[in-house]
Amino acid sequence: MPAAKSRKGARAADPGSGGDRIGALPDEILHRVLAFLPAQQAVRTCVREFVDSFLILRGSSPLETFEVKVAGAAVDVRHLRLWVRYGMMCNVQELRLKVIGNAPALLRLKDPALASKHLTRLELRGLVFNNDFLDFSRCPELQDLKIKDCCFIHVERISSQSLKHLVITRGIFNLSSRTRIHTANLGSLELLVTEGRAPVLERMPLLDSAIVAIMGNSDCCSRCNNGDCGDESCKGCIRNDTLSVLLHGISQVKTFTLVAGAETFIFRRDLKWCPTFSQLETLELTEHDVHALSCILEHSPILESLNLYFLEFDKGFKAKVKMSGRFNPTELPSTISPHLKRVKVRCGTVDKRVLKVLKFLSTLNISFSFRGKKKKRKAGDKSSTT
């Protein structure tokens, strides 16, 4: 902490002047006051002043990477805003802003969106966004955006014309409206929704790979499983001017991984208007509804590889059983891609879900052989499993 002791001969602060009376105290008294504070509070006071002083002394020379990381009750949103502005002033190329713990930083409605001609990578964590902060029209070089453990309940739109890679993990979205993601030049997408309505993915014609995971059950309609109950006031259903939430926007993707349970509302609704995945070569699913699987297969004309995973969400995923499909491409139904080369199934146990899907695939002339992981033998045990 910088010395606060008055210069010799300097006049003490007038108690009635509103000056810094504490700062005018001698160092030994200040140290005595800090000694009565809890250690964390004392350290925070010193650290903030140190950072502010360091940035002032450093000046405005260009920065390649600038990371601000705070935790728990140490969050001081006013300082965060000042430090972010400092990074922008220094033409930072990679900015990381992370709030760790149970005290997220709330961006006020008047906080402006970022503006920088130099920013190319941005990582955000533990923030509650306002409606304008994720408008990156004033960041023309931004290519990589990672958002983790953040809240989007006030966000109507995430938009960028330059963005190439977008990762949103453990995102909390609005329960009554849908955020729209407009990133027309995106090459890769990772989206994990843990709560709220799944965002609308607008058209992404250059998309090479996409991982979409929809968790929880807050995205639903109480009247109809397919989201078309006909009630215009229903917050769960999608309005008539939006036929699709997820699938149409990413229909040009080449590699697609979908993590969603068989009862996932928004996925079932999207399948009613299932698009043609004209570029899709590799499909990975944890959605094992036979109708859904059949629908996607019939709309993927150049599919080469199909991988099915059976998750046990309460136990995690352990691929104890691995199965590979055997088939002749010329014997596949005409509705299935003639380019299909590989079909694999991974599961913990061969339960009813697995058997149902295997039965469906057998109607496509795809049969399976499978093997389980060998158990370690104990001393004197002559048995083994496959």
Protein backbone atom coordinates (compact mmCIF):
# COMPACT_ATOMS: atom_id res chain seq x y z
CA MET A 1 0.00 0.00 0.00
CA PRO A 2 1.47 3.42 -0.90
CA ALA A 3 2.62 5.51 1.99
CA ALA A 4 -0.08 7.78 3.31
CA LYS A 5 2.06 9.76 5.75
CA SER A 6 1.88 13.50 5.28
CA ARG A 7 4.98 15.33 4.15
CA LYS A 8 6.85 17.05 6.91
CA GLY A 9 5.34 20.43 7.48
CA ALA A 10 2.26 19.66 5.41
CA ARG A 11 -1.02 20.87 6.84
CA ALA A 12 -3.27 18.10 8.22
CA ALA A 13 -6.62 17.58 6.50
CA ASP A 14 -9.36 19.78 7.89
CA PRO A 15 -12.05 17.52 9.42
CA GLY A 16 -14.73 19.82 8.03
CA SER A 17 -13.29 20.01 4.51
CA GLY A 18 -14.35 16.55 3.41
CA GLY A 19 -10.73 15.64 2.60
CA ASP A 20 -9.07 12.24 3.01
CA ARG A 21 -8.74 12.29 6.78
CA ILE A 22 -7.84 8.59 7.00
CA GLY A 23 -5.18 8.93 4.31
CA ALA A 24 -3.62 11.79 6.26
CA LEU A 25 -2.92 9.54 9.26
CA PRO A 26 0.66 8.39 9.93
CA ASP A 27 1.62 4.95 8.57
CA GLU A 28 1.90 3.34 12.01
CA ILE A 29 -1.71 4.31 12.82
CA LEU A 30 -2.96 3.07 9.43
CA HIS A 31 -1.23 -0.26 10.01
CA ARG A 32 -2.84 -0.42 13.44
CA VAL A 33 -6.32 0.14 11.89
CA LEU A 34 -5.76 -2.52 9.24
CA ALA A 35 -4.70 -4.97 11.92
CA PHE A 36 -8.28 -4.92 13.27
CA LEU A 37 -9.73 -5.85 9.86
CA PRO A 38 -10.20 -9.48 8.75
CA ALA A 39 -7.20 -10.55 6.71
CA GLN A 40 -9.15 -10.84 3.45
CA GLN A 41 -10.55 -7.30 3.68
CA ALA A 42 -7.16 -5.84 4.50
CA VAL A 43 -5.54 -7.62 1.56
CA ARG A 44 -8.32 -6.52 -0.83
CA THR A 45 -7.78 -2.88 0.09
CA CYS A 46 -4.06 -3.17 -0.62
CA VAL A 47 -4.46 -5.21 -3.83
CA ARG A 48 -6.95 -2.82 -5.47
CA GLU A 49 -4.79 0.19 -4.71
CA PHE A 50 -1.72 -1.67 -5.94
CA VAL A 51 -3.38 -2.61 -9.25
CA ASP A 52 -4.65 0.92 -9.80
CA SER A 53 -1.20 2.37 -9.07
CA PHE A 54 0.55 -0.20 -11.25
CA LEU A 55 -1.69 0.52 -14.26
CA ILE A 56 -1.17 4.26 -13.87
CA LEU A 57 2.59 3.82 -13.75
CA ARG A 58 2.57 1.41 -16.69
CA GLY A 59 0.96 3.90 -19.02
CA SER A 60 -0.89 3.11 -22.24
CA SER A 61 1.62 1.04 -24.19
CA PRO A 62 -0.03 -1.78 -26.24
CA LEU A 63 -1.03 -5.04 -24.54
CA GLU A 64 -1.12 -8.48 -26.14
CA THR A 65 -3.04 -10.22 -23.29
CA PHE A 66 -4.86 -8.70 -20.32
CA GLU A 67 -6.51 -10.95 -17.70
CA VAL A 68 -8.64 -9.76 -14.80
CA LYS A 69 -9.59 -12.48 -12.33
CA VAL A 70 -11.43 -11.92 -9.04
CA ALA A 71 -13.16 -14.28 -6.66
CA GLY A 72 -16.04 -14.40 -4.22
CA ALA A 73 -16.91 -11.34 -2.17
CA ALA A 74 -13.81 -9.57 -3.52
CA VAL A 75 -15.79 -8.52 -6.60
CA ASP A 76 -15.73 -4.77 -7.09
CA VAL A 77 -17.66 -4.10 -10.28
CA ARG A 78 -16.55 -0.47 -10.45
CA HIS A 79 -12.91 -1.51 -10.54
CA LEU A 80 -13.66 -4.25 -13.08
CA ARG A 81 -15.15 -1.68 -15.43
CA LEU A 82 -12.15 0.62 -15.05
CA TRP A 83 -9.67 -2.18 -15.67
CA VAL A 84 -11.53 -3.37 -18.78
CA ARG A 85 -11.53 0.18 -20.14
CA TYR A 86 -7.81 0.34 -19.48
CA GLY A 87 -7.29 -2.84 -21.54
CA MET A 88 -9.30 -1.35 -24.41
CA MET A 89 -7.25 1.85 -24.20
CA CYS A 90 -4.06 -0.22 -24.52
CA ASN A 91 -5.32 -1.94 -27.71
CA VAL A 92 -5.35 -5.36 -26.04
CA GLN A 93 -5.63 -8.31 -28.44
CA GLU A 94 -6.79 -10.95 -25.92
CA LEU A 95 -8.99 -9.99 -22.96
CA ARG A 96 -9.98 -12.38 -20.16
CA LEU A 97 -12.49 -11.23 -17.57
CA LYS A 98 -13.30 -13.85 -14.93
CA VAL A 99 -15.42 -13.66 -11.79
CA ILE A 100 -15.07 -16.86 -9.75
CA GLY A 101 -17.45 -17.94 -6.97
CA ASN A 102 -21.01 -17.15 -5.97
CA ALA A 103 -20.95 -13.39 -6.51
CA PRO A 104 -21.44 -12.70 -10.24
CA ALA A 105 -20.64 -9.27 -11.61
CA LEU A 106 -23.73 -7.45 -12.87
CA LEU A 107 -23.21 -5.24 -15.90
CA ARG A 108 -25.54 -2.25 -15.65
CA LEU A 109 -27.91 -1.32 -18.46
CA LYS A 110 -25.81 1.76 -19.23
CA ASP A 111 -22.56 -0.19 -19.52
CA PRO A 112 -21.61 0.08 -23.21
CA ALA A 113 -20.62 -2.75 -25.52
CA LEU A 114 -16.92 -3.29 -26.08
CA ALA A 115 -15.32 -1.25 -28.84
CA SER A 116 -11.88 -2.16 -30.17
CA LYS A 117 -10.25 -2.53 -33.59
CA HIS A 118 -7.55 -4.73 -32.05
CA LEU A 119 -9.46 -7.27 -29.92
CA THR A 120 -9.30 -10.78 -31.45
CA ARG A 121 -9.95 -13.08 -28.47
CA LEU A 122 -12.36 -12.59 -25.56
CA GLU A 123 -13.04 -14.83 -22.56
CA LEU A 124 -15.81 -14.02 -20.07
CA ARG A 125 -16.83 -15.84 -16.90
CA GLY A 126 -19.23 -15.19 -14.02
CA LEU A 127 -21.04 -12.19 -15.53
CA VAL A 128 -24.68 -11.13 -15.76
CA PHE A 129 -24.91 -9.39 -19.14
CA ASN A 130 -27.03 -6.42 -20.07
CA ASN A 131 -28.81 -6.34 -23.43
CA ASP A 132 -26.10 -4.48 -25.36
CA PHE A 133 -22.82 -5.85 -24.03
CA LEU A 134 -22.73 -8.83 -26.44
CA ASP A 135 -23.16 -6.69 -29.55
CA PHE A 136 -19.69 -6.90 -31.09
CA SER A 137 -20.33 -4.73 -34.13
CA ARG A 138 -17.61 -2.37 -32.83
CA CYS A 139 -15.05 -5.19 -32.56
CA PRO A 140 -14.43 -5.96 -36.27
CA GLU A 141 -11.45 -8.30 -35.64
CA LEU A 142 -12.97 -10.45 -32.88
CA GLN A 143 -12.66 -14.14 -33.86
CA ASP A 144 -12.73 -16.22 -30.66
CA LEU A 145 -15.33 -15.82 -27.91
CA LYS A 146 -15.59 -18.04 -24.83
CA ILE A 147 -18.37 -17.49 -22.27
CA LYS A 148 -18.61 -19.67 -19.15
CA ASP A 149 -20.94 -19.66 -16.14
CA CYS A 150 -22.73 -16.51 -17.30
CA CYS A 151 -26.31 -15.28 -17.22
CA PHE A 152 -28.11 -14.16 -20.42
CA ILE A 153 -31.55 -13.40 -18.99
CA HIS A 154 -31.37 -9.75 -20.13
CA VAL A 155 -29.79 -10.50 -23.52
CA GLU A 156 -31.95 -10.35 -26.63
CA ARG A 157 -29.14 -10.87 -29.14
CA ILE A 158 -25.53 -12.03 -29.44
CA SER A 159 -24.12 -10.72 -32.70
CA SER A 160 -20.80 -10.55 -34.55
CA GLN A 161 -19.90 -10.57 -38.23
CA SER A 162 -16.25 -11.45 -37.63
CA LEU A 163 -16.59 -14.25 -35.06
CA LYS A 164 -15.16 -17.64 -36.13
CA HIS A 165 -15.32 -19.67 -32.89
CA LEU A 166 -17.98 -19.42 -30.18
CA VAL A 167 -18.10 -21.40 -26.92
CA ILE A 168 -20.91 -20.95 -24.38
CA THR A 169 -20.79 -23.39 -21.46
CA ARG A 170 -23.20 -23.58 -18.52
CA GLY A 171 -25.28 -20.68 -19.81
CA ILE A 172 -28.40 -19.52 -17.97
CA PHE A 173 -30.98 -18.06 -20.35
CA ASN A 174 -34.33 -16.33 -19.96
CA LEU A 175 -37.32 -18.47 -18.91
CA SER A 176 -39.87 -16.60 -21.02
CA SER A 177 -38.05 -15.37 -24.15
CA ARG A 178 -35.27 -16.57 -26.44
CA THR A 179 -31.89 -14.97 -27.05
CA ARG A 180 -30.93 -14.91 -30.74
CA ILE A 181 -27.37 -15.75 -31.83
CA HIS A 182 -26.41 -14.03 -35.08
CA THR A 183 -22.89 -15.07 -36.17
CA ALA A 184 -23.07 -15.61 -39.92
CA ASN A 185 -19.35 -16.36 -40.38
CA LEU A 186 -18.99 -18.83 -37.51
CA GLY A 187 -16.80 -21.90 -38.14
CA SER A 188 -17.25 -23.77 -34.84
CA LEU A 189 -19.89 -23.68 -32.11
CA GLU A 190 -20.10 -25.18 -28.61
CA LEU A 191 -23.33 -24.46 -26.76
CA LEU A 192 -24.32 -25.86 -23.35
CA VAL A 193 -27.62 -24.57 -21.96
CA THR A 194 -28.20 -25.44 -18.31
CA GLU A 195 -31.33 -23.37 -17.64
CA GLY A 196 -33.92 -21.35 -19.51
CA ARG A 197 -35.05 -21.28 -23.15
CA ALA A 198 -32.59 -22.55 -25.74
CA PRO A 199 -31.34 -19.64 -27.87
CA VAL A 200 -32.37 -19.27 -31.51
CA LEU A 201 -29.44 -20.09 -33.79
CA GLU A 202 -29.66 -17.93 -36.88
CA ARG A 203 -28.18 -19.11 -40.18
CA MET A 204 -24.51 -20.18 -40.02
CA PRO A 205 -23.59 -21.23 -43.58
CA LEU A 206 -19.84 -21.63 -42.93
CA LEU A 207 -20.18 -23.86 -39.85
CA ASP A 208 -17.72 -26.75 -39.81
CA SER A 209 -18.45 -28.28 -36.38
CA ALA A 210 -21.13 -27.86 -33.73
CA ILE A 211 -21.65 -29.30 -30.25
CA VAL A 212 -25.08 -28.53 -28.79
CA ALA A 213 -26.09 -29.71 -25.30
CA ILE A 214 -29.51 -28.91 -23.86
CA MET A 215 -29.81 -29.79 -20.17
CA GLY A 216 -32.62 -29.32 -17.67
CA ASN A 217 -36.36 -29.21 -18.31
CA SER A 218 -37.26 -25.52 -18.04
CA ASP A 219 -37.71 -25.21 -21.83
CA CYS A 220 -41.17 -26.74 -22.17
CA CYS A 221 -44.85 -26.30 -22.91
CA SER A 222 -47.31 -27.48 -20.27
CA ARG A 223 -49.99 -28.25 -22.88
CA CYS A 224 -48.15 -30.00 -25.70
CA ASN A 225 -44.93 -31.99 -26.06
CA ASN A 226 -44.22 -30.60 -29.53
CA GLY A 227 -44.64 -26.90 -28.81
CA ASP A 228 -47.67 -26.14 -30.95
CA CYS A 229 -50.52 -25.90 -28.45
CA GLY A 230 -51.98 -22.98 -30.44
CA ASP A 231 -52.16 -20.55 -27.53
CA GLU A 232 -50.52 -17.29 -28.62
CA SER A 233 -49.83 -16.38 -24.99
CA CYS A 234 -47.95 -19.62 -24.28
CA LYS A 235 -44.37 -18.77 -23.28
CA GLY A 236 -43.12 -22.29 -23.96
CA CYS A 237 -44.04 -22.50 -27.63
CA ILE A 238 -42.29 -20.80 -30.50
CA ARG A 239 -44.14 -18.10 -32.38
CA ASN A 240 -45.30 -18.77 -35.95
CA ASP A 241 -42.55 -16.63 -37.46
CA THR A 242 -39.85 -18.94 -36.06
CA LEU A 243 -40.11 -22.49 -37.39
CA SER A 244 -36.87 -23.68 -35.85
CA VAL A 245 -34.74 -22.81 -32.85
CA LEU A 246 -31.62 -24.97 -33.24
CA LEU A 247 -31.51 -27.13 -36.35
CA HIS A 248 -32.19 -24.80 -39.28
CA GLY A 249 -29.46 -22.37 -38.31
CA ILE A 250 -26.78 -25.07 -38.29
CA SER A 251 -28.07 -27.18 -41.20
CA GLN A 252 -24.82 -26.62 -43.17
CA VAL A 253 -22.63 -28.13 -40.44
CA LYS A 254 -20.15 -30.90 -41.33
CA THR A 255 -19.65 -32.47 -37.88
CA PHE A 256 -22.54 -32.34 -35.42
CA THR A 257 -22.70 -33.55 -31.80
CA LEU A 258 -26.05 -33.33 -30.02
CA VAL A 259 -26.39 -33.98 -26.30
CA ALA A 260 -30.07 -34.08 -25.38
CA GLY A 261 -32.38 -36.50 -23.63
CA ALA A 262 -35.25 -38.24 -25.42
CA GLU A 263 -37.69 -35.93 -23.61
CA THR A 264 -35.98 -32.68 -24.61
CA PHE A 265 -38.83 -30.43 -25.65
CA ILE A 266 -37.12 -28.04 -28.04
CA PHE A 267 -35.35 -30.80 -29.96
CA ARG A 268 -38.61 -32.68 -30.55
CA ARG A 269 -40.22 -29.48 -31.72
CA ASP A 270 -37.41 -28.69 -34.16
CA LEU A 271 -37.71 -32.14 -35.72
CA LYS A 272 -41.19 -31.25 -36.98
CA TRP A 273 -39.42 -28.98 -39.48
CA CYS A 274 -36.24 -31.02 -39.78
CA PRO A 275 -33.93 -29.41 -42.38
CA THR A 276 -31.69 -31.20 -44.86
CA PHE A 277 -28.14 -31.43 -43.51
CA SER A 278 -26.59 -31.23 -46.96
CA GLN A 279 -22.97 -31.02 -45.71
CA LEU A 280 -23.14 -33.34 -42.70
CA GLU A 281 -20.46 -36.05 -42.71
CA THR A 282 -20.19 -37.03 -39.02
CA LEU A 283 -23.11 -37.27 -36.59
CA GLU A 284 -22.82 -37.97 -32.86
CA LEU A 285 -25.99 -38.35 -30.81
CA THR A 286 -27.03 -38.97 -27.24
CA GLU A 287 -30.69 -38.60 -28.34
CA HIS A 288 -32.03 -42.12 -28.76
CA ASP A 289 -35.63 -41.59 -29.72
CA VAL A 290 -36.01 -43.83 -32.78
CA HIS A 291 -38.14 -41.28 -34.60
CA ALA A 292 -35.54 -38.57 -34.05
CA LEU A 293 -32.70 -40.82 -35.22
CA SER A 294 -34.65 -41.89 -38.30
CA CYS A 295 -35.54 -38.29 -39.14
CA ILE A 296 -31.95 -37.03 -39.03
CA LEU A 297 -30.62 -40.02 -41.00
CA GLU A 298 -33.17 -39.43 -43.74
CA HIS A 299 -32.13 -35.76 -43.96
CA SER A 300 -28.35 -36.34 -44.15
CA PRO A 301 -27.62 -37.36 -47.77
CA ILE A 302 -23.79 -37.51 -47.55
CA LEU A 303 -23.40 -38.85 -44.00
CA GLU A 304 -20.28 -41.01 -43.58
CA SER A 305 -20.05 -41.70 -39.84
CA LEU A 306 -22.71 -42.26 -37.14
CA ASN A 307 -21.78 -42.50 -33.44
CA LEU A 308 -24.40 -43.16 -30.75
CA TYR A 309 -23.68 -42.66 -27.05
CA PHE A 310 -25.97 -43.78 -24.22
CA LEU A 311 -25.42 -41.54 -21.21
CA GLU A 312 -26.34 -42.22 -17.61
CA PHE A 313 -26.59 -38.66 -16.32
CA ASP A 314 -26.60 -39.69 -12.67
CA LYS A 315 -23.50 -41.86 -13.05
CA GLY A 316 -21.59 -40.17 -15.85
CA PHE A 317 -20.58 -41.91 -19.03
CA LYS A 318 -18.37 -44.99 -19.09
CA ALA A 319 -18.14 -46.84 -22.39
CA LYS A 320 -17.96 -50.38 -21.03
CA VAL A 321 -19.61 -51.78 -24.15
CA LYS A 322 -18.43 -50.86 -27.64
CA MET A 323 -20.29 -52.00 -30.75
CA SER A 324 -19.45 -51.58 -34.43
CA GLY A 325 -22.03 -51.91 -37.16
CA ARG A 326 -21.67 -54.36 -40.04
CA PHE A 327 -23.46 -53.52 -43.27
CA ASN A 328 -23.18 -53.28 -47.01
CA PRO A 329 -23.79 -49.70 -48.21
CA THR A 330 -25.54 -51.01 -51.32
CA GLU A 331 -28.11 -52.79 -49.11
CA LEU A 332 -29.08 -49.71 -47.12
CA PRO A 333 -32.55 -48.25 -47.72
CA SER A 334 -32.71 -45.51 -50.35
CA THR A 335 -33.50 -42.97 -47.62
CA ILE A 336 -30.09 -43.53 -45.96
CA SER A 337 -26.84 -42.00 -47.20
CA PRO A 338 -25.01 -44.36 -49.62
CA HIS A 339 -21.75 -42.85 -48.30
CA LEU A 340 -22.23 -44.29 -44.80
CA LYS A 341 -19.07 -46.16 -43.77
CA ARG A 342 -19.09 -46.39 -39.98
CA VAL A 343 -21.78 -46.91 -37.32
CA LYS A 344 -20.65 -47.18 -33.69
CA VAL A 345 -22.53 -47.54 -30.42
CA ARG A 346 -21.02 -46.83 -27.00
CA CYS A 347 -22.84 -47.56 -23.73
CA GLY A 348 -22.39 -48.58 -20.11
CA THR A 349 -24.79 -51.52 -20.28
CA VAL A 350 -27.01 -53.05 -22.94
CA ASP A 351 -30.38 -51.93 -21.55
CA LYS A 352 -33.81 -51.40 -23.09
CA ARG A 353 -32.79 -48.12 -24.69
CA VAL A 354 -29.85 -49.75 -26.46
CA LEU A 355 -31.87 -52.76 -27.61
CA LYS A 356 -34.59 -50.51 -29.03
CA VAL A 357 -32.08 -48.59 -31.16
CA LEU A 358 -30.28 -51.77 -32.26
CA LYS A 359 -33.62 -53.19 -33.37
CA PHE A 360 -34.32 -50.06 -35.40
CA LEU A 361 -30.88 -50.16 -37.03
CA SER A 362 -31.40 -53.80 -37.94
CA THR A 363 -34.35 -52.70 -40.11
CA LEU A 364 -31.76 -50.69 -42.09
CA ASN A 365 -29.71 -53.90 -42.60
CA ILE A 366 -27.13 -52.83 -40.02
CA SER A 367 -26.10 -55.56 -37.59
CA PHE A 368 -23.68 -55.38 -34.64
CA SER A 369 -20.99 -57.28 -32.83
CA PHE A 370 -20.00 -56.04 -29.41
CA ARG A 371 -17.46 -56.55 -26.70
CA GLY A 372 -17.22 -55.36 -23.14
CA LYS A 373 -14.16 -54.35 -21.22
CA LYS A 374 -12.39 -57.26 -19.56
CA LYS A 375 -12.49 -57.26 -15.80
CA LYS A 376 -9.24 -57.55 -13.91
CA ARG A 377 -8.70 -61.06 -12.62
CA LYS A 378 -8.21 -61.63 -8.95
CA ALA A 379 -5.75 -64.19 -7.63
CA GLY A 380 -7.18 -67.68 -8.10
CA ASP A 381 -10.02 -66.48 -10.37
CA LYS A 382 -10.01 -68.41 -13.65
CA SER A 383 -13.12 -66.77 -15.11
CA SER A 384 -13.16 -63.87 -17.52
CA THR A 385 -15.78 -61.75 -19.26
CA THR A 386 -15.98 -60.19 -22.66
